[in-house]
């Protein structure tokens, strides 16, 4: 028995299987594609205005308030407790969805769902703390595949149950509750990590797999004092002086952020990441309300699950295609950001101006596919020369900035205490927002291309003179 436990604790297979099972059941929620019809239908009997302007904004505020403290807590308690917290939050969310009524109760649902999304960082961060670097690429693939498969299965299952078996939305939510309960049970069987990225380091930081020149390099060369700043094993010091240790970690995080954003390339990709992710989250959060406005669920067939399944497939396909495209992203990256952001803007404007639900569905599919393509490119461009620690830090900070922007959009455009615009006008605003993003990166790309051509012309002229 002891030998078996030892083998389990040192094997990468056991924690990978358990965390993938956790990710699968966490994401396998067939009711999610039908949330708005459920809330506005006879089960909850809420109005579209209450759902849009009073209930959904709470998720954004909750997520913003919890993201940074949960990000630090996740690392400090070494991931597993936060995965358990996520499981509890999911169970509470679906219990309230099933049995609670009224605007206040649904606002509480959105608060707990904000906790769920804030703790999602623990899912991917956990596996890197229990497996060695040589398995990073494989386990990352498994973890992402588990969630993508679950999202597809959930969307297809939900659509089939609604369209063919005429299962009620209440029963779909009961299935989701059973799934997230299984995810909570899976989290109990995860081995407790002995290290984490920031607060419980035991070794030198491990680099992300990729063609980077050095694990600590945000620029072309390693910082001369990087070796001196690299953390050394100090678990005893951390226990003896926890406040001082935490302060030193926070100061190190600040220095790392300064160094990383000192790179113009990383700053450019991070700017697009934050701006586009804010718009993307806002669209995904409210698109069901628009669909219900174009084709009311009480009088029309609902195909939300099928659309989400196709969108997930297209997003996966475009993300995978990036690996086979040979492009000089240093030269063409900003141009690609501008062009595909323009397609996103066009898709959102189509969703605003059309009254046809099928055109609305098509616009959403195009929008999500373009975003997933670009976010994959941005992820690679940011991660390629960073250590795992610095990548996680930039990922968290970029998402935090995106959430701040999204909160501003929510307060001004959506919240009943702001403009409280109707859902169709909101999508006009979101389309205009992506037009602004398009303008920023098209202008920047034209400047970059002209600068490079002028530099090459100058070099050629000097060579000819010599």
Protein backbone atom coordinates (compact mmCIF):
# COMPACT_ATOMS: atom_id res chain seq x y z
CA UNK A 1 0.00 0.00 0.00
CA UNK A 2 2.81 2.41 0.90
CA UNK A 3 4.56 1.62 -2.37
CA UNK A 4 1.37 2.38 -4.29
CA UNK A 5 0.92 5.70 -2.49
CA UNK A 6 4.52 6.61 -3.22
CA UNK A 7 4.11 5.78 -6.88
CA UNK A 8 0.96 7.88 -7.08
CA UNK A 9 2.57 10.86 -5.39
CA UNK A 10 5.53 10.83 -7.80
CA UNK A 11 3.60 10.08 -10.99
CA UNK A 12 2.33 12.79 -13.30
CA UNK A 13 -0.47 10.55 -14.58
CA UNK A 14 -2.60 10.38 -11.41
CA UNK A 15 -2.91 14.14 -10.75
CA UNK A 16 -3.41 14.77 -14.47
CA UNK A 17 -6.32 12.33 -14.67
CA UNK A 18 -7.96 13.75 -11.53
CA UNK A 19 -7.54 17.43 -12.52
CA UNK A 20 -8.87 16.67 -16.02
CA UNK A 21 -11.88 14.92 -14.47
CA UNK A 22 -12.37 17.95 -12.25
CA UNK A 23 -12.16 20.28 -15.27
CA UNK A 24 -14.54 18.13 -17.31
CA UNK A 25 -17.30 17.99 -14.69
CA UNK A 26 -16.81 21.65 -13.76
CA UNK A 27 -17.41 22.67 -17.40
CA UNK A 28 -20.06 20.06 -18.26
CA UNK A 29 -23.05 22.29 -17.47
CA UNK A 30 -25.78 21.76 -20.11
CA UNK A 31 -28.02 24.45 -18.58
CA UNK A 32 -25.56 27.28 -19.18
CA UNK A 33 -26.56 27.86 -22.81
CA UNK A 34 -30.15 28.35 -21.66
CA UNK A 35 -29.65 30.62 -18.64
CA UNK A 36 -31.55 33.64 -19.99
CA UNK A 37 -34.61 31.63 -21.15
CA UNK A 38 -34.64 29.95 -17.72
CA UNK A 39 -34.54 33.25 -15.83
CA UNK A 40 -37.13 34.99 -18.00
CA UNK A 41 -39.38 31.92 -18.28
CA UNK A 42 -42.03 30.60 -15.88
CA UNK A 43 -39.44 29.09 -13.52
CA UNK A 44 -38.13 32.46 -12.31
CA UNK A 45 -40.52 34.89 -14.05
CA UNK A 46 -38.01 37.73 -14.26
CA UNK A 47 -38.17 40.48 -16.88
CA UNK A 48 -35.49 40.96 -19.52
CA UNK A 49 -34.68 44.38 -18.04
CA UNK A 50 -34.16 42.88 -14.56
CA UNK A 51 -31.86 40.18 -15.94
CA UNK A 52 -29.87 42.58 -18.13
CA UNK A 53 -29.61 45.70 -16.00
CA UNK A 54 -29.79 44.41 -12.42
CA UNK A 55 -28.69 40.77 -12.24
CA UNK A 56 -25.96 40.11 -14.83
CA UNK A 57 -23.83 43.18 -13.89
CA UNK A 58 -23.27 41.70 -10.40
CA UNK A 59 -21.06 38.99 -11.92
CA UNK A 60 -18.68 41.59 -13.33
CA UNK A 61 -18.44 43.49 -10.03
CA UNK A 62 -17.96 40.29 -8.03
CA UNK A 63 -15.29 38.99 -10.40
CA UNK A 64 -13.38 42.29 -10.24
CA UNK A 65 -13.51 42.46 -6.44
CA UNK A 66 -12.35 38.85 -6.00
CA UNK A 67 -9.83 38.38 -8.82
CA UNK A 68 -6.68 39.88 -7.27
CA UNK A 69 -7.07 38.53 -3.71
CA UNK A 70 -8.04 35.09 -5.03
CA UNK A 71 -5.06 35.14 -7.42
CA UNK A 72 -2.68 35.64 -4.49
CA UNK A 73 -4.59 33.29 -2.19
CA UNK A 74 -4.49 30.55 -4.83
CA UNK A 75 -0.71 30.55 -4.83
CA UNK A 76 -0.37 31.05 -1.07
CA UNK A 77 -2.54 28.04 -0.12
CA UNK A 78 -1.16 25.94 -3.01
CA UNK A 79 -4.15 25.59 -5.34
CA UNK A 80 -6.09 22.60 -3.94
CA UNK A 81 -8.05 24.54 -1.27
CA UNK A 82 -9.07 27.05 -3.95
CA UNK A 83 -10.27 24.22 -6.22
CA UNK A 84 -12.40 23.01 -3.30
CA UNK A 85 -13.67 26.57 -2.81
CA UNK A 86 -14.56 26.67 -6.50
CA UNK A 87 -16.52 23.43 -6.12
CA UNK A 88 -18.46 24.79 -3.13
CA UNK A 89 -19.21 28.02 -5.01
CA UNK A 90 -20.51 26.07 -8.01
CA UNK A 91 -22.77 23.94 -5.83
CA UNK A 92 -24.15 27.01 -4.03
CA UNK A 93 -24.67 28.74 -7.41
CA UNK A 94 -26.79 25.93 -8.82
CA UNK A 95 -28.71 25.31 -5.60
CA UNK A 96 -29.74 28.97 -5.67
CA UNK A 97 -30.58 28.75 -9.37
CA UNK A 98 -32.81 25.77 -8.71
CA UNK A 99 -34.62 26.76 -5.54
CA UNK A 100 -34.27 30.53 -4.95
CA UNK A 101 -36.49 33.23 -6.46
CA UNK A 102 -36.39 36.96 -6.94
CA UNK A 103 -33.90 39.56 -8.14
CA UNK A 104 -31.85 39.58 -4.91
CA UNK A 105 -31.44 35.79 -4.95
CA UNK A 106 -30.30 35.83 -8.57
CA UNK A 107 -27.85 38.64 -7.76
CA UNK A 108 -26.44 36.31 -5.10
CA UNK A 109 -26.13 33.64 -7.81
CA UNK A 110 -24.04 36.07 -9.87
CA UNK A 111 -21.85 36.85 -6.85
CA UNK A 112 -21.02 33.18 -6.29
CA UNK A 113 -20.47 32.70 -10.02
CA UNK A 114 -17.99 35.59 -9.83
CA UNK A 115 -16.19 33.53 -7.18
CA UNK A 116 -16.19 30.56 -9.57
CA UNK A 117 -14.59 32.52 -12.41
CA UNK A 118 -12.07 34.16 -10.06
CA UNK A 119 -10.90 30.72 -8.90
CA UNK A 120 -10.51 29.28 -12.41
CA UNK A 121 -6.82 30.21 -12.33
CA UNK A 122 -6.26 27.33 -9.90
CA UNK A 123 -7.26 24.75 -12.52
CA UNK A 124 -4.34 25.37 -14.88
CA UNK A 125 -1.87 26.52 -12.23
CA UNK A 126 -2.36 23.38 -10.11
CA UNK A 127 -0.99 20.89 -12.61
CA UNK A 128 2.29 22.80 -13.08
CA UNK A 129 2.99 22.45 -9.36
CA UNK A 130 2.77 18.65 -9.33
CA UNK A 131 4.45 17.62 -12.61
CA UNK A 132 7.93 18.25 -13.97
CA UNK A 133 8.73 20.60 -16.85
CA UNK A 134 9.09 17.79 -19.37
CA UNK A 135 5.38 17.01 -19.04
CA UNK A 136 4.10 20.61 -19.24
CA UNK A 137 3.13 20.54 -22.90
CA UNK A 138 1.33 17.23 -22.63
CA UNK A 139 -0.62 17.99 -19.44
CA UNK A 140 -1.58 21.44 -20.75
CA UNK A 141 -3.01 19.77 -23.84
CA UNK A 142 -4.94 17.26 -21.72
CA UNK A 143 -6.35 19.93 -19.39
CA UNK A 144 -7.49 22.18 -22.23
CA UNK A 145 -8.92 19.23 -24.16
CA UNK A 146 -10.94 18.16 -21.10
CA UNK A 147 -12.63 21.55 -20.75
CA UNK A 148 -13.21 21.97 -24.50
CA UNK A 149 -14.71 18.48 -24.72
CA UNK A 150 -16.91 19.18 -21.71
CA UNK A 151 -18.13 22.48 -23.13
CA UNK A 152 -19.03 20.78 -26.42
CA UNK A 153 -20.71 17.81 -24.73
CA UNK A 154 -22.68 20.14 -22.44
CA UNK A 155 -23.91 22.34 -25.29
CA UNK A 156 -24.88 19.38 -27.52
CA UNK A 157 -26.50 17.48 -24.65
CA UNK A 158 -28.48 20.52 -23.56
CA UNK A 159 -29.71 21.17 -27.10
CA UNK A 160 -30.70 17.53 -27.67
CA UNK A 161 -32.55 17.33 -24.36
CA UNK A 162 -34.44 20.58 -25.02
CA UNK A 163 -35.24 20.01 -28.71
CA UNK A 164 -35.85 16.25 -28.86
CA UNK A 165 -36.74 15.13 -25.33
CA UNK A 166 -38.45 18.42 -24.34
CA UNK A 167 -36.64 18.41 -21.01
CA UNK A 168 -37.34 21.49 -18.90
CA UNK A 169 -34.68 24.08 -18.11
CA UNK A 170 -35.10 23.18 -14.43
CA UNK A 171 -33.99 19.60 -15.16
CA UNK A 172 -31.01 20.89 -17.14
CA UNK A 173 -29.95 22.86 -14.08
CA UNK A 174 -30.36 19.72 -11.95
CA UNK A 175 -27.98 17.90 -14.32
CA UNK A 176 -25.52 20.79 -14.02
CA UNK A 177 -25.73 20.57 -10.21
CA UNK A 178 -24.93 16.86 -10.35
CA UNK A 179 -21.95 17.54 -12.63
CA UNK A 180 -20.41 20.28 -10.47
CA UNK A 181 -20.93 18.09 -7.39
CA UNK A 182 -18.84 15.38 -9.07
CA UNK A 183 -16.18 18.01 -9.81
CA UNK A 184 -16.13 18.92 -6.12
CA UNK A 185 -15.61 15.25 -5.19
CA UNK A 186 -12.76 14.95 -7.72
CA UNK A 187 -10.98 17.88 -6.07
CA UNK A 188 -10.79 15.96 -2.79
CA UNK A 189 -8.64 13.27 -4.43
CA UNK A 190 -6.03 15.70 -5.80
CA UNK A 191 -2.59 15.39 -4.19
CA UNK A 192 -1.63 18.47 -2.18
CA UNK A 193 1.20 20.33 -4.00
CA UNK A 194 4.41 20.94 -2.08
CA UNK A 195 5.32 24.05 -4.05
CA UNK A 196 3.71 26.97 -5.85
CA UNK A 197 4.87 29.61 -8.31
CA UNK A 198 5.43 32.56 -5.97
CA UNK A 199 5.06 31.91 -2.23
CA UNK A 200 6.33 28.33 -1.93
CA UNK A 201 9.21 28.02 -4.37
CA UNK A 202 11.64 25.20 -3.76
CA UNK A 203 13.68 25.35 -6.94
CA UNK A 204 14.66 27.84 -9.59
CA UNK A 205 11.73 28.87 -11.74
CA UNK A 206 10.95 26.53 -14.60
CA UNK A 207 10.58 28.01 -18.08
CA UNK A 208 7.57 27.65 -20.26
CA UNK A 209 8.21 25.20 -23.08
CA UNK A 210 8.98 27.12 -26.23
CA UNK A 211 11.78 28.73 -28.21
CA UNK A 212 12.49 31.38 -25.60
CA UNK A 213 16.06 32.45 -25.03
CA UNK A 214 15.94 32.26 -21.27
CA UNK A 215 13.41 31.65 -18.56
CA UNK A 216 13.81 35.08 -16.97
CA UNK A 217 14.04 37.14 -20.11
CA UNK A 218 11.33 39.63 -21.03
CA UNK A 219 13.77 41.43 -23.34
CA UNK A 220 16.28 40.01 -25.76
CA UNK A 221 18.86 39.44 -23.05
CA UNK A 222 18.70 38.29 -19.48
CA UNK A 223 18.70 41.02 -16.89
CA UNK A 224 22.14 41.18 -15.22
CA UNK A 225 20.66 41.01 -11.74
CA UNK A 226 18.20 38.23 -12.54
CA UNK A 227 20.38 35.61 -10.88
CA UNK A 228 20.59 37.68 -7.75
CA UNK A 229 16.81 38.16 -7.73
CA UNK A 230 16.01 34.53 -8.47
CA UNK A 231 14.36 33.05 -5.41
CA UNK A 232 16.27 30.53 -3.39
CA UNK A 233 14.82 27.79 -1.19
CA UNK A 234 13.59 29.49 1.95
CA UNK A 235 10.59 27.68 3.37
CA UNK A 236 11.89 28.10 6.91
CA UNK A 237 12.31 31.84 6.48
CA UNK A 238 8.82 32.05 5.01
CA UNK A 239 7.39 30.32 8.08
CA UNK A 240 9.42 32.34 10.56
CA UNK A 241 8.62 35.72 9.03
CA UNK A 242 5.47 35.30 6.93
CA UNK A 243 4.67 39.01 6.67
CA UNK A 244 8.17 39.92 5.53
CA UNK A 245 8.20 37.00 3.11
CA UNK A 246 4.86 38.05 1.63
CA UNK A 247 6.05 41.64 1.25
CA UNK A 248 9.19 40.49 -0.55
CA UNK A 249 7.09 38.34 -2.91
CA UNK A 250 4.77 41.26 -3.69
CA UNK A 251 7.74 43.55 -4.35
CA UNK A 252 9.23 40.92 -6.65
CA UNK A 253 5.94 40.66 -8.52
CA UNK A 254 5.96 44.44 -8.99
CA UNK A 255 9.51 44.37 -10.37
CA UNK A 256 8.60 41.51 -12.72
CA UNK A 257 5.60 43.42 -14.05
CA UNK A 258 7.73 46.51 -14.63
CA UNK A 259 10.35 44.49 -16.52
CA UNK A 260 7.81 42.63 -18.66
CA UNK A 261 5.77 45.68 -19.65
CA UNK A 262 9.03 47.45 -20.45
CA UNK A 263 9.05 45.39 -23.66
CA UNK A 264 7.12 47.23 -26.42
CA UNK A 265 6.20 43.94 -28.07
CA UNK A 266 4.71 42.50 -24.87
CA UNK A 267 3.00 45.80 -24.09
CA UNK A 268 1.33 45.85 -27.53
CA UNK A 269 0.03 42.27 -27.31
CA UNK A 270 -1.05 42.81 -23.70
CA UNK A 271 -2.96 45.96 -24.65
CA UNK A 272 -4.91 44.07 -27.30
CA UNK A 273 -5.46 41.17 -24.85
CA UNK A 274 -6.97 43.48 -22.21
CA UNK A 275 -9.11 45.53 -24.61
CA UNK A 276 -10.41 42.58 -26.64
CA UNK A 277 -11.00 40.29 -23.66
CA UNK A 278 -13.09 42.99 -21.98
CA UNK A 279 -15.27 43.26 -25.09
CA UNK A 280 -15.41 39.49 -25.58
CA UNK A 281 -16.54 38.80 -22.01
CA UNK A 282 -19.18 41.50 -22.28
CA UNK A 283 -20.57 40.02 -25.50
CA UNK A 284 -20.60 36.44 -24.17
CA UNK A 285 -22.27 37.60 -20.97
CA UNK A 286 -25.18 39.30 -22.76
CA UNK A 287 -25.53 37.50 -26.08
CA UNK A 288 -28.27 35.18 -24.78
CA UNK A 289 -30.33 38.23 -23.87
CA UNK A 290 -29.98 39.49 -27.47
CA UNK A 291 -30.99 36.08 -28.86
CA UNK A 292 -34.03 36.03 -26.60
CA UNK A 293 -34.89 39.53 -27.80
CA UNK A 294 -34.63 38.53 -31.48
CA UNK A 295 -36.51 35.22 -31.02
CA UNK A 296 -38.36 35.08 -27.66
CA UNK A 297 -37.92 31.65 -26.08
CA UNK A 298 -41.59 31.41 -25.04
CA UNK A 299 -42.71 31.51 -28.68
CA UNK A 300 -39.69 30.32 -30.71
CA UNK A 301 -37.42 27.29 -30.88
CA UNK A 302 -34.19 27.87 -28.96
CA UNK A 303 -30.90 26.71 -30.49
CA UNK A 304 -28.47 28.27 -28.03
CA UNK A 305 -26.82 24.94 -27.22
CA UNK A 306 -26.18 24.07 -30.86
CA UNK A 307 -24.71 27.52 -31.52
CA UNK A 308 -22.41 27.28 -28.49
CA UNK A 309 -21.26 23.80 -29.56
CA UNK A 310 -20.41 25.05 -33.06
CA UNK A 311 -18.72 28.13 -31.60
CA UNK A 312 -16.57 25.95 -29.34
CA UNK A 313 -15.61 23.75 -32.29
CA UNK A 314 -14.73 26.74 -34.49
CA UNK A 315 -12.73 28.30 -31.66
CA UNK A 316 -10.78 25.07 -31.18
CA UNK A 317 -10.18 24.72 -34.92
CA UNK A 318 -8.91 28.28 -35.36
CA UNK A 319 -6.69 27.95 -32.28
CA UNK A 320 -5.21 24.74 -33.65
CA UNK A 321 -4.69 26.31 -37.09
CA UNK A 322 -2.39 28.92 -35.57
CA UNK A 323 0.22 26.21 -34.97
CA UNK A 324 0.42 25.50 -38.71
CA UNK A 325 0.61 29.08 -39.96
CA UNK A 326 4.12 30.36 -40.67
CA UNK A 327 3.97 34.13 -40.26
CA UNK A 328 6.42 36.72 -39.03
CA UNK A 329 4.24 37.95 -36.19
CA UNK A 330 6.75 40.67 -35.28
CA UNK A 331 6.01 42.28 -38.65
CA UNK A 332 2.41 41.21 -39.29
CA UNK A 333 1.05 40.66 -35.79
CA UNK A 334 -0.37 44.15 -35.29
CA UNK A 335 -1.90 44.07 -38.78
CA UNK A 336 -3.59 40.75 -37.95
CA UNK A 337 -4.91 42.25 -34.71
CA UNK A 338 -6.38 45.17 -36.65
CA UNK A 339 -7.92 43.08 -39.44
CA UNK A 340 -9.54 40.43 -37.24
CA UNK A 341 -10.72 43.07 -34.75
CA UNK A 342 -12.45 44.71 -37.72
CA UNK A 343 -14.17 41.40 -38.46
CA UNK A 344 -15.25 41.24 -34.81
CA UNK A 345 -16.66 44.76 -35.08
CA UNK A 346 -18.54 43.85 -38.27
CA UNK A 347 -20.01 40.75 -36.63
CA UNK A 348 -21.29 42.74 -33.66
CA UNK A 349 -22.77 45.45 -35.87
CA UNK A 350 -24.53 42.74 -37.89
CA UNK A 351 -26.00 41.40 -34.64
CA UNK A 352 -27.27 44.91 -33.84
CA UNK A 353 -28.83 45.77 -37.19
CA UNK A 354 -30.37 42.41 -38.15
CA UNK A 355 -33.72 41.15 -36.93
CA UNK A 356 -32.99 37.64 -38.18
CA UNK A 357 -32.00 35.23 -35.41
CA UNK A 358 -29.94 33.08 -37.82
CA UNK A 359 -27.88 36.09 -38.90
CA UNK A 360 -27.46 36.86 -35.21
CA UNK A 361 -26.19 33.33 -34.58
CA UNK A 362 -23.80 33.60 -37.56
CA UNK A 363 -22.43 36.90 -36.29
CA UNK A 364 -21.70 35.34 -32.91
CA UNK A 365 -19.92 32.36 -34.48
CA UNK A 366 -17.71 34.65 -36.58
CA UNK A 367 -17.01 36.89 -33.58
CA UNK A 368 -15.96 34.03 -31.29
CA UNK A 369 -13.83 32.32 -33.96
CA UNK A 370 -11.89 35.54 -34.68
CA UNK A 371 -11.32 36.22 -30.99
CA UNK A 372 -10.12 32.67 -30.26
CA UNK A 373 -7.71 32.89 -33.19
CA UNK A 374 -6.18 36.13 -31.96
CA UNK A 375 -6.08 35.24 -28.27
CA UNK A 376 -4.13 32.08 -29.17
CA UNK A 377 -1.58 34.13 -31.11
CA UNK A 378 -1.37 36.69 -28.29
CA UNK A 379 -0.88 33.95 -25.69
CA UNK A 380 2.01 32.46 -27.64
CA UNK A 381 3.64 35.83 -28.34
CA UNK A 382 3.52 36.76 -24.66
CA UNK A 383 4.56 33.36 -23.32
CA UNK A 384 7.38 32.51 -25.71
CA UNK A 385 10.17 34.30 -23.80
CA UNK A 386 8.78 34.23 -20.27
CA UNK A 387 9.19 31.93 -17.32
CA UNK A 388 6.10 30.16 -16.09
CA UNK A 389 5.97 32.55 -13.14
CA UNK A 390 6.11 35.69 -15.27
CA UNK A 391 3.63 34.35 -17.77
CA UNK A 392 1.16 33.57 -14.97
CA UNK A 393 1.72 37.06 -13.59
CA UNK A 394 1.11 38.77 -16.94
CA UNK A 395 -1.89 36.53 -17.62
CA UNK A 396 -3.41 37.54 -14.29
CA UNK A 397 -2.63 41.23 -14.68
CA UNK A 398 -3.91 41.40 -18.28
CA UNK A 399 -7.15 39.77 -17.19
CA UNK A 400 -7.40 42.19 -14.28
CA UNK A 401 -7.03 45.18 -16.62
CA UNK A 402 -9.61 43.59 -18.96
CA UNK A 403 -11.98 43.22 -16.05
CA UNK A 404 -11.53 46.86 -15.04
CA UNK A 405 -12.41 47.92 -18.61
CA UNK A 406 -15.36 45.52 -18.64
CA UNK A 407 -16.59 46.94 -15.34
CA UNK A 408 -16.49 50.46 -16.79
CA UNK A 409 -18.50 49.25 -19.79
CA UNK A 410 -20.99 47.56 -17.48
CA UNK A 411 -21.43 50.58 -15.21
CA UNK A 412 -21.86 53.02 -18.10
CA UNK A 413 -23.75 50.95 -20.67
CA UNK A 414 -25.62 48.16 -18.85
CA UNK A 415 -26.27 48.93 -15.19
CA UNK A 416 -29.63 50.47 -14.37
CA UNK A 417 -27.75 53.08 -12.31
CA UNK A 418 -25.88 54.09 -15.48
CA UNK A 419 -27.38 54.48 -18.95
CA UNK A 420 -29.22 51.15 -18.67
CA UNK A 421 -29.39 50.78 -22.46
CA UNK A 422 -31.56 48.17 -24.15
CA UNK A 423 -29.77 45.04 -25.36
CA UNK A 424 -29.80 45.96 -29.07
CA UNK A 425 -28.19 49.34 -28.42
CA UNK A 426 -25.62 47.66 -26.20
CA UNK A 427 -24.37 45.62 -29.15
CA UNK A 428 -24.09 48.81 -31.20
CA UNK A 429 -21.80 50.12 -28.45
CA UNK A 430 -19.78 46.88 -28.41
CA UNK A 431 -19.37 46.99 -32.19
CA UNK A 432 -18.17 50.60 -31.97
CA UNK A 433 -15.78 49.57 -29.19
CA UNK A 434 -14.13 47.01 -31.48
CA UNK A 435 -13.94 49.64 -34.24
CA UNK A 436 -11.80 51.71 -31.86
CA UNK A 437 -9.58 48.66 -31.20
CA UNK A 438 -9.31 48.17 -34.98
CA UNK A 439 -8.21 51.77 -35.49
CA UNK A 440 -5.55 51.57 -32.76
CA UNK A 441 -3.86 48.48 -34.16
CA UNK A 442 -4.23 49.28 -37.86
CA UNK A 443 -2.55 52.65 -37.31
CA UNK A 444 0.14 51.00 -35.20
CA UNK A 445 0.72 48.28 -37.83
CA UNK A 446 1.05 50.82 -40.66
CA UNK A 447 3.61 52.74 -38.58
CA UNK A 448 5.55 49.51 -37.83
CA UNK A 449 5.60 48.34 -41.46
CA UNK A 450 6.71 51.77 -42.76
CA UNK A 451 9.42 52.00 -40.08
CA UNK A 452 10.80 48.56 -40.98
CA UNK A 453 10.77 49.33 -44.71
CA UNK A 454 12.53 52.66 -44.16
CA UNK A 455 15.13 50.94 -42.00
CA UNK A 456 15.72 48.25 -44.64
CA UNK A 457 15.99 50.92 -47.37
CA UNK A 458 18.52 52.82 -45.28
CA UNK A 459 20.60 49.70 -44.68
CA UNK A 460 20.51 48.81 -48.39
CA UNK A 461 21.61 52.33 -49.32
CA UNK A 462 24.55 52.19 -46.90
CA UNK A 463 25.57 48.79 -48.28
CA UNK A 464 25.49 50.15 -51.85
CA UNK A 465 27.57 53.17 -50.84
CA UNK A 466 30.19 50.90 -49.29
